[in-house]
Amino acid sequence: MRSYGIDYDRYISLLNEQGHVCALCGGEGFLMKGCHRVKLVVDHCHQTGRVRGLLCHNCNRALGLLQDDPAILRAAIDYLKGGIRPMWNRGASAGLSSPATAQSWPVESQVQKGLKQR
């Protein structure tokens, strides 16, 4: 197990604090064949190295695939809620620049409007 600066006792302490479930989804986790010996893995900030908690493999991987970026995570949440907008159209507050052909998409996407017309 990669420790990220914590020992076994701290891992067990985190496990007990979290009720033996993933800090994100609340699931009990699972063992990955030949890869891990624990159901919940240590999650840490890649910039600071600070341990954030214990996650199941799926949630840990999801954060990694979303680059631990809150702006991308917010975009994913918006997407799931039905407000499909490209990341580059989130404005300067997200620190993202838009391509020259960018259009301002409404919260209700063109795809959703097309489906309503059927």
PDB file of N, CA and C in Angstrom:
ATOM      1  N   MET A   1       0.844  -1.185   0.000  1.00  0.00           N
ATOM      2  CA  MET A   1       0.000   0.000   0.000  1.00  0.00           C
ATOM      3  C   MET A   1       0.883   1.240   0.000  1.00  0.00           C
ATOM      4  N   ARG A   2       0.593   2.166  -0.911  1.00  0.00           N
ATOM      5  CA  ARG A   2       1.296   3.448  -0.887  1.00  0.00           C
ATOM      6  C   ARG A   2       0.798   4.219   0.318  1.00  0.00           C
ATOM      7  N   SER A   3       1.707   4.805   1.068  1.00  0.00           N
ATOM      8  CA  SER A   3       1.304   5.391   2.343  1.00  0.00           C
ATOM      9  C   SER A   3       1.081   6.896   2.298  1.00  0.00           C
ATOM     10  N   TYR A   4       1.698   7.593   1.358  1.00  0.00           N
ATOM     11  CA  TYR A   4       1.565   9.047   1.269  1.00  0.00           C
ATOM     12  C   TYR A   4       1.828   9.719   2.610  1.00  0.00           C
ATOM     13  N   GLY A   5       2.799   9.182   3.326  1.00  0.00           N
ATOM     14  CA  GLY A   5       3.220   9.791   4.586  1.00  0.00           C
ATOM     15  C   GLY A   5       2.430   9.370   5.812  1.00  0.00           C
ATOM     16  N   ILE A   6       1.495   8.440   5.654  1.00  0.00           N
ATOM     17  CA  ILE A   6       0.768   7.977   6.836  1.00  0.00           C
ATOM     18  C   ILE A   6       1.144   6.528   7.121  1.00  0.00           C
ATOM     19  N   ASP A   7       1.101   6.163   8.380  1.00  0.00           N
ATOM     20  CA  ASP A   7       1.413   4.788   8.744  1.00  0.00           C
ATOM     21  C   ASP A   7       0.112   3.985   8.882  1.00  0.00           C
ATOM     22  N   TYR A   8       0.267   2.717   9.200  1.00  0.00           N
ATOM     23  CA  TYR A   8      -0.878   1.815   9.301  1.00  0.00           C
ATOM     24  C   TYR A   8      -1.884   2.303  10.342  1.00  0.00           C
ATOM     25  N   ASP A   9      -1.386   2.785  11.490  1.00  0.00           N
ATOM     26  CA  ASP A   9      -2.291   3.255  12.542  1.00  0.00           C
ATOM     27  C   ASP A   9      -3.131   4.442  12.076  1.00  0.00           C
ATOM     28  N   ARG A  10      -2.526   5.371  11.311  1.00  0.00           N
ATOM     29  CA  ARG A  10      -3.274   6.520  10.792  1.00  0.00           C
ATOM     30  C   ARG A  10      -4.303   6.055   9.758  1.00  0.00           C
ATOM     31  N   TYR A  11      -3.936   5.078   8.934  1.00  0.00           N
ATOM     32  CA  TYR A  11      -4.880   4.521   7.962  1.00  0.00           C
ATOM     33  C   TYR A  11      -6.098   3.957   8.694  1.00  0.00           C
ATOM     34  N   ILE A  12      -5.862   3.170   9.733  1.00  0.00           N
ATOM     35  CA  ILE A  12      -6.953   2.569  10.506  1.00  0.00           C
ATOM     36  C   ILE A  12      -7.790   3.663  11.171  1.00  0.00           C
ATOM     37  N   SER A  13      -7.137   4.713  11.644  1.00  0.00           N
ATOM     38  CA  SER A  13      -7.850   5.832  12.251  1.00  0.00           C
ATOM     39  C   SER A  13      -8.774   6.503  11.234  1.00  0.00           C
ATOM     40  N   LEU A  14      -8.261   6.757  10.024  1.00  0.00           N
ATOM     41  CA  LEU A  14      -9.087   7.334   8.956  1.00  0.00           C
ATOM     42  C   LEU A  14     -10.245   6.407   8.613  1.00  0.00           C
ATOM     43  N   LEU A  15      -9.946   5.120   8.534  1.00  0.00           N
ATOM     44  CA  LEU A  15     -10.968   4.123   8.213  1.00  0.00           C
ATOM     45  C   LEU A  15     -12.095   4.168   9.242  1.00  0.00           C
ATOM     46  N   ASN A  16     -11.729   4.238  10.514  1.00  0.00           N
ATOM     47  CA  ASN A  16     -12.737   4.301  11.581  1.00  0.00           C
ATOM     48  C   ASN A  16     -13.502   5.624  11.549  1.00  0.00           C
ATOM     49  N   GLU A  17     -12.803   6.741  11.316  1.00  0.00           N
ATOM     50  CA  GLU A  17     -13.453   8.055  11.240  1.00  0.00           C
ATOM     51  C   GLU A  17     -14.494   8.086  10.128  1.00  0.00           C
ATOM     52  N   GLN A  18     -14.224   7.390   9.037  1.00  0.00           N
ATOM     53  CA  GLN A  18     -15.128   7.368   7.878  1.00  0.00           C
ATOM     54  C   GLN A  18     -16.153   6.246   7.955  1.00  0.00           C
ATOM     55  N   GLY A  19     -16.150   5.490   9.029  1.00  0.00           N
ATOM     56  CA  GLY A  19     -17.112   4.397   9.171  1.00  0.00           C
ATOM     57  C   GLY A  19     -16.866   3.252   8.213  1.00  0.00           C
ATOM     58  N   HIS A  20     -15.614   3.083   7.796  1.00  0.00           N
ATOM     59  CA  HIS A  20     -15.206   2.007   6.887  1.00  0.00           C
ATOM     60  C   HIS A  20     -15.862   2.114   5.513  1.00  0.00           C
ATOM     61  N   VAL A  21     -16.175   3.341   5.076  1.00  0.00           N
ATOM     62  CA  VAL A  21     -16.756   3.556   3.756  1.00  0.00           C
ATOM     63  C   VAL A  21     -16.002   4.669   3.028  1.00  0.00           C
ATOM     64  N   CYS A  22     -16.179   4.704   1.718  1.00  0.00           N
ATOM     65  CA  CYS A  22     -15.578   5.725   0.861  1.00  0.00           C
ATOM     66  C   CYS A  22     -16.071   7.115   1.268  1.00  0.00           C
ATOM     67  N   ALA A  23     -15.155   8.079   1.335  1.00  0.00           N
ATOM     68  CA  ALA A  23     -15.501   9.447   1.726  1.00  0.00           C
ATOM     69  C   ALA A  23     -16.401  10.137   0.694  1.00  0.00           C
ATOM     70  N   LEU A  24     -16.437   9.646  -0.539  1.00  0.00           N
ATOM     71  CA  LEU A  24     -17.272  10.268  -1.571  1.00  0.00           C
ATOM     72  C   LEU A  24     -18.604   9.565  -1.763  1.00  0.00           C
ATOM     73  N   CYS A  25     -18.564   8.291  -2.100  1.00  0.00           N
ATOM     74  CA  CYS A  25     -19.808   7.595  -2.472  1.00  0.00           C
ATOM     75  C   CYS A  25     -20.451   6.842  -1.314  1.00  0.00           C
ATOM     76  N   GLY A  26     -19.715   6.643  -0.232  1.00  0.00           N
ATOM     77  CA  GLY A  26     -20.267   5.914   0.906  1.00  0.00           C
ATOM     78  C   GLY A  26     -20.251   4.412   0.748  1.00  0.00           C
ATOM     79  N   GLY A  27     -19.660   3.931  -0.364  1.00  0.00           N
ATOM     80  CA  GLY A  27     -19.570   2.490  -0.593  1.00  0.00           C
ATOM     81  C   GLY A  27     -18.449   1.873   0.228  1.00  0.00           C
ATOM     82  N   GLU A  28     -18.512   0.569   0.366  1.00  0.00           N
ATOM     83  CA  GLU A  28     -17.487  -0.119   1.162  1.00  0.00           C
ATOM     84  C   GLU A  28     -16.204  -0.388   0.381  1.00  0.00           C
ATOM     85  N   GLY A  29     -16.220  -0.131  -0.907  1.00  0.00           N
ATOM     86  CA  GLY A  29     -15.031  -0.375  -1.720  1.00  0.00           C
ATOM     87  C   GLY A  29     -14.918  -1.832  -2.124  1.00  0.00           C
ATOM     88  N   PHE A  30     -13.824  -2.147  -2.770  1.00  0.00           N
ATOM     89  CA  PHE A  30     -13.597  -3.505  -3.241  1.00  0.00           C
ATOM     90  C   PHE A  30     -12.109  -3.721  -3.440  1.00  0.00           C
ATOM     91  N   LEU A  31     -11.718  -4.981  -3.480  1.00  0.00           N
ATOM     92  CA  LEU A  31     -10.328  -5.332  -3.729  1.00  0.00           C
ATOM     93  C   LEU A  31     -10.108  -5.477  -5.222  1.00  0.00           C
ATOM     94  N   MET A  32      -9.000  -4.965  -5.701  1.00  0.00           N
ATOM     95  CA  MET A  32      -8.641  -5.146  -7.112  1.00  0.00           C
ATOM     96  C   MET A  32      -7.650  -6.294  -7.175  1.00  0.00           C
ATOM     97  N   LYS A  33      -7.963  -7.281  -7.986  1.00  0.00           N
ATOM     98  CA  LYS A  33      -7.129  -8.483  -8.077  1.00  0.00           C
ATOM     99  C   LYS A  33      -5.673  -8.141  -8.344  1.00  0.00           C
ATOM    100  N   GLY A  34      -4.816  -8.650  -7.486  1.00  0.00           N
ATOM    101  CA  GLY A  34      -3.381  -8.538  -7.685  1.00  0.00           C
ATOM    102  C   GLY A  34      -2.802  -7.139  -7.539  1.00  0.00           C
ATOM    103  N   CYS A  35      -3.648  -6.143  -7.344  1.00  0.00           N
ATOM    104  CA  CYS A  35      -3.151  -4.765  -7.283  1.00  0.00           C
ATOM    105  C   CYS A  35      -3.118  -4.206  -5.869  1.00  0.00           C
ATOM    106  N   HIS A  36      -4.163  -4.431  -5.116  1.00  0.00           N
ATOM    107  CA  HIS A  36      -4.305  -3.796  -3.812  1.00  0.00           C
ATOM    108  C   HIS A  36      -4.684  -4.808  -2.745  1.00  0.00           C
ATOM    109  N   ARG A  37      -4.321  -4.459  -1.531  1.00  0.00           N
ATOM    110  CA  ARG A  37      -4.667  -5.309  -0.396  1.00  0.00           C
ATOM    111  C   ARG A  37      -5.736  -4.668   0.481  1.00  0.00           C
ATOM    112  N   VAL A  38      -6.191  -3.476   0.091  1.00  0.00           N
ATOM    113  CA  VAL A  38      -7.203  -2.770   0.877  1.00  0.00           C
ATOM    114  C   VAL A  38      -8.362  -2.364  -0.030  1.00  0.00           C
ATOM    115  N   LYS A  39      -9.549  -2.253   0.558  1.00  0.00           N
ATOM    116  CA  LYS A  39     -10.735  -1.873  -0.212  1.00  0.00           C
ATOM    117  C   LYS A  39     -10.798  -0.378  -0.455  1.00  0.00           C
ATOM    118  N   LEU A  40     -10.261   0.405   0.469  1.00  0.00           N
ATOM    119  CA  LEU A  40     -10.257   1.858   0.330  1.00  0.00           C
ATOM    120  C   LEU A  40      -8.813   2.335   0.252  1.00  0.00           C
ATOM    121  N   VAL A  41      -8.554   3.223  -0.685  1.00  0.00           N
ATOM    122  CA  VAL A  41      -7.190   3.702  -0.907  1.00  0.00           C
ATOM    123  C   VAL A  41      -7.025   5.122  -0.376  1.00  0.00           C
ATOM    124  N   VAL A  42      -5.782   5.473  -0.095  1.00  0.00           N
ATOM    125  CA  VAL A  42      -5.462   6.799   0.422  1.00  0.00           C
ATOM    126  C   VAL A  42      -5.543   7.808  -0.723  1.00  0.00           C
ATOM    127  N   ASP A  43      -6.382   8.823  -0.548  1.00  0.00           N
ATOM    128  CA  ASP A  43      -6.490   9.910  -1.522  1.00  0.00           C
ATOM    129  C   ASP A  43      -5.665  11.076  -1.008  1.00  0.00           C
ATOM    130  N   HIS A  44      -4.938  11.711  -1.917  1.00  0.00           N
ATOM    131  CA  HIS A  44      -4.108  12.845  -1.518  1.00  0.00           C
ATOM    132  C   HIS A  44      -4.113  13.921  -2.586  1.00  0.00           C
ATOM    133  N   CYS A  45      -3.809  15.134  -2.188  1.00  0.00           N
ATOM    134  CA  CYS A  45      -3.681  16.250  -3.109  1.00  0.00           C
ATOM    135  C   CYS A  45      -2.350  16.114  -3.835  1.00  0.00           C
ATOM    136  N   HIS A  46      -2.392  16.128  -5.141  1.00  0.00           N
ATOM    137  CA  HIS A  46      -1.167  15.944  -5.925  1.00  0.00           C
ATOM    138  C   HIS A  46      -0.257  17.161  -5.867  1.00  0.00           C
ATOM    139  N   GLN A  47      -0.809  18.325  -5.526  1.00  0.00           N
ATOM    140  CA  GLN A  47       0.014  19.534  -5.439  1.00  0.00           C
ATOM    141  C   GLN A  47       0.694  19.662  -4.087  1.00  0.00           C
ATOM    142  N   THR A  48      -0.038  19.373  -3.001  1.00  0.00           N
ATOM    143  CA  THR A  48       0.519  19.572  -1.657  1.00  0.00           C
ATOM    144  C   THR A  48       0.968  18.276  -0.998  1.00  0.00           C
ATOM    145  N   GLY A  49       0.435  17.144  -1.471  1.00  0.00           N
ATOM    146  CA  GLY A  49       0.747  15.865  -0.843  1.00  0.00           C
ATOM    147  C   GLY A  49      -0.126  15.574   0.373  1.00  0.00           C
ATOM    148  N   ARG A  50      -0.993  16.510   0.749  1.00  0.00           N
ATOM    149  CA  ARG A  50      -1.852  16.349   1.923  1.00  0.00           C
ATOM    150  C   ARG A  50      -2.854  15.226   1.701  1.00  0.00           C
ATOM    151  N   VAL A  51      -2.961  14.341   2.680  1.00  0.00           N
ATOM    152  CA  VAL A  51      -3.939  13.249   2.622  1.00  0.00           C
ATOM    153  C   VAL A  51      -5.318  13.827   2.889  1.00  0.00           C
ATOM    154  N   ARG A  52      -6.272  13.514   1.984  1.00  0.00           N
ATOM    155  CA  ARG A  52      -7.631  14.032   2.116  1.00  0.00           C
ATOM    156  C   ARG A  52      -8.574  13.031   2.756  1.00  0.00           C
ATOM    157  N   GLY A  53      -8.309  11.749   2.576  1.00  0.00           N
ATOM    158  CA  GLY A  53      -9.182  10.724   3.130  1.00  0.00           C
ATOM    159  C   GLY A  53      -9.007   9.421   2.387  1.00  0.00           C
ATOM    160  N   LEU A  54      -9.961   8.521   2.590  1.00  0.00           N
ATOM    161  CA  LEU A  54      -9.930   7.212   1.947  1.00  0.00           C
ATOM    162  C   LEU A  54     -11.087   7.110   0.963  1.00  0.00           C
ATOM    163  N   LEU A  55     -10.775   6.621  -0.225  1.00  0.00           N
ATOM    164  CA  LEU A  55     -11.766   6.490  -1.283  1.00  0.00           C
ATOM    165  C   LEU A  55     -11.763   5.075  -1.834  1.00  0.00           C
ATOM    166  N   CYS A  56     -12.894   4.680  -2.413  1.00  0.00           N
ATOM    167  CA  CYS A  56     -12.908   3.417  -3.156  1.00  0.00           C
ATOM    168  C   CYS A  56     -12.111   3.637  -4.443  1.00  0.00           C
ATOM    169  N   HIS A  57     -11.755   2.565  -5.094  1.00  0.00           N
ATOM    170  CA  HIS A  57     -10.940   2.670  -6.309  1.00  0.00           C
ATOM    171  C   HIS A  57     -11.640   3.492  -7.387  1.00  0.00           C
ATOM    172  N   ASN A  58     -12.955   3.326  -7.538  1.00  0.00           N
ATOM    173  CA  ASN A  58     -13.677   4.057  -8.572  1.00  0.00           C
ATOM    174  C   ASN A  58     -13.674   5.562  -8.320  1.00  0.00           C
ATOM    175  N   CYS A  59     -13.960   5.981  -7.097  1.00  0.00           N
ATOM    176  CA  CYS A  59     -13.976   7.416  -6.790  1.00  0.00           C
ATOM    177  C   CYS A  59     -12.576   8.014  -6.899  1.00  0.00           C
ATOM    178  N   ASN A  60     -11.571   7.279  -6.447  1.00  0.00           N
ATOM    179  CA  ASN A  60     -10.196   7.766  -6.550  1.00  0.00           C
ATOM    180  C   ASN A  60      -9.799   7.950  -8.011  1.00  0.00           C
ATOM    181  N   ARG A  61     -10.167   6.985  -8.823  1.00  0.00           N
ATOM    182  CA  ARG A  61      -9.856   7.070 -10.251  1.00  0.00           C
ATOM    183  C   ARG A  61     -10.636   8.212 -10.915  1.00  0.00           C
ATOM    184  N   ALA A  62     -11.894   8.370 -10.530  1.00  0.00           N
ATOM    185  CA  ALA A  62     -12.709   9.447 -11.102  1.00  0.00           C
ATOM    186  C   ALA A  62     -12.076  10.808 -10.835  1.00  0.00           C
ATOM    187  N   LEU A  63     -11.652  11.051  -9.610  1.00  0.00           N
ATOM    188  CA  LEU A  63     -11.000  12.331  -9.300  1.00  0.00           C
ATOM    189  C   LEU A  63      -9.743  12.505 -10.143  1.00  0.00           C
ATOM    190  N   GLY A  64      -8.984  11.446 -10.296  1.00  0.00           N
ATOM    191  CA  GLY A  64      -7.776  11.516 -11.109  1.00  0.00           C
ATOM    192  C   GLY A  64      -8.082  11.796 -12.569  1.00  0.00           C
ATOM    193  N   LEU A  65      -9.100  11.135 -13.100  1.00  0.00           N
ATOM    194  CA  LEU A  65      -9.476  11.359 -14.493  1.00  0.00           C
ATOM    195  C   LEU A  65     -10.005  12.769 -14.718  1.00  0.00           C
ATOM    196  N   LEU A  66     -10.588  13.358 -13.670  1.00  0.00           N
ATOM    197  CA  LEU A  66     -11.061  14.740 -13.749  1.00  0.00           C
ATOM    198  C   LEU A  66      -9.964  15.721 -13.324  1.00  0.00           C
ATOM    199  N   GLN A  67      -8.750  15.219 -13.227  1.00  0.00           N
ATOM    200  CA  GLN A  67      -7.550  16.004 -12.946  1.00  0.00           C
ATOM    201  C   GLN A  67      -7.613  16.741 -11.611  1.00  0.00           C
ATOM    202  N   ASP A  68      -8.383  16.239 -10.665  1.00  0.00           N
ATOM    203  CA  ASP A  68      -8.546  16.896  -9.358  1.00  0.00           C
ATOM    204  C   ASP A  68      -8.897  18.366  -9.516  1.00  0.00           C
ATOM    205  N   ASP A  69      -9.628  18.696 -10.577  1.00  0.00           N
ATOM    206  CA  ASP A  69      -9.925  20.082 -10.918  1.00  0.00           C
ATOM    207  C   ASP A  69     -11.389  20.393 -10.601  1.00  0.00           C
ATOM    208  N   PRO A  70     -11.643  21.269  -9.619  1.00  0.00           N
ATOM    209  CA  PRO A  70     -13.017  21.598  -9.266  1.00  0.00           C
ATOM    210  C   PRO A  70     -13.832  22.144 -10.441  1.00  0.00           C
ATOM    211  N   ALA A  71     -13.211  22.888 -11.358  1.00  0.00           N
ATOM    212  CA  ALA A  71     -13.945  23.427 -12.518  1.00  0.00           C
ATOM    213  C   ALA A  71     -14.442  22.298 -13.409  1.00  0.00           C
ATOM    214  N   ILE A  72     -13.618  21.283 -13.622  1.00  0.00           N
ATOM    215  CA  ILE A  72     -14.037  20.143 -14.438  1.00  0.00           C
ATOM    216  C   ILE A  72     -15.129  19.359 -13.711  1.00  0.00           C
ATOM    217  N   LEU A  73     -14.973  19.211 -12.403  1.00  0.00           N
ATOM    218  CA  LEU A  73     -15.985  18.504 -11.621  1.00  0.00           C
ATOM    219  C   LEU A  73     -17.326  19.246 -11.653  1.00  0.00           C
ATOM    220  N   ARG A  74     -17.303  20.585 -11.539  1.00  0.00           N
ATOM    221  CA  ARG A  74     -18.538  21.372 -11.646  1.00  0.00           C
ATOM    222  C   ARG A  74     -19.162  21.201 -13.026  1.00  0.00           C
ATOM    223  N   ALA A  75     -18.334  21.175 -14.062  1.00  0.00           N
ATOM    224  CA  ALA A  75     -18.844  20.964 -15.423  1.00  0.00           C
ATOM    225  C   ALA A  75     -19.495  19.595 -15.541  1.00  0.00           C
ATOM    226  N   ALA A  76     -18.906  18.590 -14.925  1.00  0.00           N
ATOM    227  CA  ALA A  76     -19.483  17.243 -14.948  1.00  0.00           C
ATOM    228  C   ALA A  76     -20.830  17.230 -14.234  1.00  0.00           C
ATOM    229  N   ILE A  77     -20.928  17.936 -13.115  1.00  0.00           N
ATOM    230  CA  ILE A  77     -22.194  18.017 -12.383  1.00  0.00           C
ATOM    231  C   ILE A  77     -23.245  18.712 -13.237  1.00  0.00           C
ATOM    232  N   ASP A  78     -22.877  19.842 -13.848  1.00  0.00           N
ATOM    233  CA  ASP A  78     -23.809  20.547 -14.736  1.00  0.00           C
ATOM    234  C   ASP A  78     -24.264  19.645 -15.875  1.00  0.00           C
ATOM    235  N   TYR A  79     -23.325  18.915 -16.437  1.00  0.00           N
ATOM    236  CA  TYR A  79     -23.627  18.000 -17.537  1.00  0.00           C
ATOM    237  C   TYR A  79     -24.643  16.953 -17.098  1.00  0.00           C
ATOM    238  N   LEU A  80     -24.414  16.368 -15.928  1.00  0.00           N
ATOM    239  CA  LEU A  80     -25.327  15.345 -15.422  1.00  0.00           C
ATOM    240  C   LEU A  80     -26.714  15.906 -15.128  1.00  0.00           C
ATOM    241  N   LYS A  81     -26.780  17.166 -14.756  1.00  0.00           N
ATOM    242  CA  LYS A  81     -28.068  17.815 -14.477  1.00  0.00           C
ATOM    243  C   LYS A  81     -28.777  18.237 -15.755  1.00  0.00           C
ATOM    244  N   GLY A  82     -28.111  18.119 -16.897  1.00  0.00           N
ATOM    245  CA  GLY A  82     -28.753  18.424 -18.166  1.00  0.00           C
ATOM    246  C   GLY A  82     -28.345  19.738 -18.789  1.00  0.00           C
ATOM    247  N   GLY A  83     -27.514  20.499 -18.146  1.00  0.00           N
ATOM    248  CA  GLY A  83     -27.057  21.775 -18.704  1.00  0.00           C
ATOM    249  C   GLY A  83     -25.765  21.581 -19.460  1.00  0.00           C
ATOM    250  N   ILE A  84     -25.851  21.009 -20.635  1.00  0.00           N
ATOM    251  CA  ILE A  84     -24.661  20.655 -21.403  1.00  0.00           C
ATOM    252  C   ILE A  84     -24.019  21.914 -21.974  1.00  0.00           C
ATOM    253  N   ARG A  85     -22.841  22.235 -21.486  1.00  0.00           N
ATOM    254  CA  ARG A  85     -22.060  23.354 -22.012  1.00  0.00           C
ATOM    255  C   ARG A  85     -20.604  22.924 -22.045  1.00  0.00           C
ATOM    256  N   PRO A  86     -19.886  23.299 -23.076  1.00  0.00           N
ATOM    257  CA  PRO A  86     -18.469  22.939 -23.130  1.00  0.00           C
ATOM    258  C   PRO A  86     -17.683  23.685 -22.056  1.00  0.00           C
ATOM    259  N   MET A  87     -16.628  23.061 -21.561  1.00  0.00           N
ATOM    260  CA  MET A  87     -15.785  23.678 -20.533  1.00  0.00           C
ATOM    261  C   MET A  87     -15.265  25.034 -20.965  1.00  0.00           C
ATOM    262  N   TRP A  88     -14.924  25.196 -22.235  1.00  0.00           N
ATOM    263  CA  TRP A  88     -14.318  26.438 -22.684  1.00  0.00           C
ATOM    264  C   TRP A  88     -15.311  27.581 -22.703  1.00  0.00           C
ATOM    265  N   ASN A  89     -16.576  27.308 -22.437  1.00  0.00           N
ATOM    266  CA  ASN A  89     -17.588  28.363 -22.427  1.00  0.00           C
ATOM    267  C   ASN A  89     -17.998  28.716 -20.997  1.00  0.00           C
ATOM    268  N   ARG A  90     -17.146  28.494 -20.048  1.00  0.00           N
ATOM    269  CA  ARG A  90     -17.456  28.761 -18.647  1.00  0.00           C
ATOM    270  C   ARG A  90     -17.011  30.157 -18.225  1.00  0.00           C
ATOM    271  N   GLY A  91     -16.275  30.858 -19.091  1.00  0.00           N
ATOM    272  CA  GLY A  91     -15.913  32.243 -18.783  1.00  0.00           C
ATOM    273  C   GLY A  91     -14.562  32.377 -18.130  1.00  0.00           C
ATOM    274  N   ALA A  92     -14.160  33.604 -17.995  1.00  0.00           N
ATOM    275  CA  ALA A  92     -12.846  33.915 -17.457  1.00  0.00           C
ATOM    276  C   ALA A  92     -12.705  33.509 -16.003  1.00  0.00           C
ATOM    277  N   SER A  93     -13.820  33.428 -15.270  1.00  0.00           N
ATOM    278  CA  SER A  93     -13.734  33.077 -13.849  1.00  0.00           C
ATOM    279  C   SER A  93     -13.149  31.691 -13.652  1.00  0.00           C
ATOM    280  N   ALA A  94     -13.333  30.816 -14.631  1.00  0.00           N
ATOM    281  CA  ALA A  94     -12.764  29.469 -14.539  1.00  0.00           C
ATOM    282  C   ALA A  94     -11.358  29.433 -15.115  1.00  0.00           C
ATOM    283  N   GLY A  95     -10.890  30.568 -15.649  1.00  0.00           N
ATOM    284  CA  GLY A  95      -9.545  30.611 -16.211  1.00  0.00           C
ATOM    285  C   GLY A  95      -9.438  29.884 -17.531  1.00  0.00           C
ATOM    286  N   LEU A  96     -10.534  29.762 -18.248  1.00  0.00           N
ATOM    287  CA  LEU A  96     -10.539  29.021 -19.495  1.00  0.00           C
ATOM    288  C   LEU A  96     -10.766  29.978 -20.654  1.00  0.00           C
ATOM    289  N   SER A  97     -10.065  29.769 -21.742  1.00  0.00           N
ATOM    290  CA  SER A  97     -10.272  30.617 -22.914  1.00  0.00           C
ATOM    291  C   SER A  97     -11.102  29.866 -23.930  1.00  0.00           C
ATOM    292  N   SER A  98     -11.880  30.607 -24.700  1.00  0.00           N
ATOM    293  CA  SER A  98     -12.751  29.959 -25.675  1.00  0.00           C
ATOM    294  C   SER A  98     -12.100  29.959 -27.047  1.00  0.00           C
ATOM    295  N   PRO A  99     -12.368  28.940 -27.849  1.00  0.00           N
ATOM    296  CA  PRO A  99     -11.864  28.925 -29.207  1.00  0.00           C
ATOM    297  C   PRO A  99     -12.561  29.991 -30.042  1.00  0.00           C
ATOM    298  N   ALA A 100     -11.989  30.323 -31.182  1.00  0.00           N
ATOM    299  CA  ALA A 100     -12.522  31.390 -32.031  1.00  0.00           C
ATOM    300  C   ALA A 100     -13.948  31.114 -32.484  1.00  0.00           C
ATOM    301  N   THR A 101     -14.315  29.844 -32.607  1.00  0.00           N
ATOM    302  CA  THR A 101     -15.651  29.503 -33.099  1.00  0.00           C
ATOM    303  C   THR A 101     -16.654  29.284 -31.973  1.00  0.00           C
ATOM    304  N   ALA A 102     -16.291  29.627 -30.750  1.00  0.00           N
ATOM    305  CA  ALA A 102     -17.169  29.357 -29.608  1.00  0.00           C
ATOM    306  C   ALA A 102     -18.468  30.133 -29.700  1.00  0.00           C
ATOM    307  N   GLN A 103     -19.551  29.450 -29.347  1.00  0.00           N
ATOM    308  CA  GLN A 103     -20.856  30.086 -29.268  1.00  0.00           C
ATOM    309  C   GLN A 103     -21.319  29.978 -27.825  1.00  0.00           C
ATOM    310  N   SER A 104     -22.129  30.895 -27.410  1.00  0.00           N
ATOM    311  CA  SER A 104     -22.679  30.840 -26.063  1.00  0.00           C
ATOM    312  C   SER A 104     -23.839  29.851 -26.057  1.00  0.00           C
ATOM    313  N   TRP A 105     -23.689  28.765 -25.339  1.00  0.00           N
ATOM    314  CA  TRP A 105     -24.726  27.745 -25.280  1.00  0.00           C
ATOM    315  C   TRP A 105     -25.642  28.039 -24.112  1.00  0.00           C
ATOM    316  N   PRO A 106     -26.943  27.946 -24.315  1.00  0.00           N
ATOM    317  CA  PRO A 106     -27.871  28.119 -23.193  1.00  0.00           C
ATOM    318  C   PRO A 106     -27.807  26.890 -22.290  1.00  0.00           C
ATOM    319  N   VAL A 107     -28.383  27.021 -21.100  1.00  0.00           N
ATOM    320  CA  VAL A 107     -28.392  25.886 -20.178  1.00  0.00           C
ATOM    321  C   VAL A 107     -29.090  24.695 -20.820  1.00  0.00           C
ATOM    322  N   GLU A 108     -30.194  24.953 -21.525  1.00  0.00           N
ATOM    323  CA  GLU A 108     -30.849  23.874 -22.252  1.00  0.00           C
ATOM    324  C   GLU A 108     -30.141  23.748 -23.597  1.00  0.00           C
ATOM    325  N   SER A 109     -29.484  22.646 -23.805  1.00  0.00           N
ATOM    326  CA  SER A 109     -28.667  22.475 -25.002  1.00  0.00           C
ATOM    327  C   SER A 109     -29.508  22.306 -26.267  1.00  0.00           C
ATOM    328  N   GLN A 110     -28.854  22.475 -27.388  1.00  0.00           N
ATOM    329  CA  GLN A 110     -29.514  22.277 -28.666  1.00  0.00           C
ATOM    330  C   GLN A 110     -29.984  20.835 -28.806  1.00  0.00           C
ATOM    331  N   VAL A 111     -29.238  19.890 -28.257  1.00  0.00           N
ATOM    332  CA  VAL A 111     -29.635  18.474 -28.295  1.00  0.00           C
ATOM    333  C   VAL A 111     -30.939  18.282 -27.543  1.00  0.00           C
ATOM    334  N   GLN A 112     -31.039  18.888 -26.348  1.00  0.00           N
ATOM    335  CA  GLN A 112     -32.259  18.740 -25.556  1.00  0.00           C
ATOM    336  C   GLN A 112     -33.466  19.343 -26.281  1.00  0.00           C
ATOM    337  N   LYS A 113     -33.282  20.501 -26.911  1.00  0.00           N
ATOM    338  CA  LYS A 113     -34.379  21.128 -27.664  1.00  0.00           C
ATOM    339  C   LYS A 113     -34.830  20.227 -28.804  1.00  0.00           C
ATOM    340  N   GLY A 114     -33.881  19.622 -29.491  1.00  0.00           N
ATOM    341  CA  GLY A 114     -34.211  18.720 -30.583  1.00  0.00           C
ATOM    342  C   GLY A 114     -35.001  17.514 -30.121  1.00  0.00           C
ATOM    343  N   LEU A 115     -34.668  17.001 -28.952  1.00  0.00           N
ATOM    344  CA  LEU A 115     -35.381  15.849 -28.407  1.00  0.00           C
ATOM    345  C   LEU A 115     -36.816  16.225 -28.028  1.00  0.00           C
ATOM    346  N   LYS A 116     -37.007  17.452 -27.546  1.00  0.00           N
ATOM    347  CA  LYS A 116     -38.347  17.901 -27.162  1.00  0.00           C
ATOM    348  C   LYS A 116     -39.263  18.024 -28.385  1.00  0.00           C
ATOM    349  N   GLN A 117     -38.691  18.347 -29.530  1.00  0.00           N
ATOM    350  CA  GLN A 117     -39.483  18.547 -30.723  1.00  0.00           C
ATOM    351  C   GLN A 117     -39.966  17.255 -31.341  1.00  0.00           C
ATOM    352  N   ARG A 118     -39.412  16.153 -30.943  1.00  0.00           N
ATOM    353  CA  ARG A 118     -39.802  14.854 -31.505  1.00  0.00           C
ATOM    354  C   ARG A 118     -41.156  14.421 -31.042  1.00  0.00           C
TER     355      ARG A 118
END
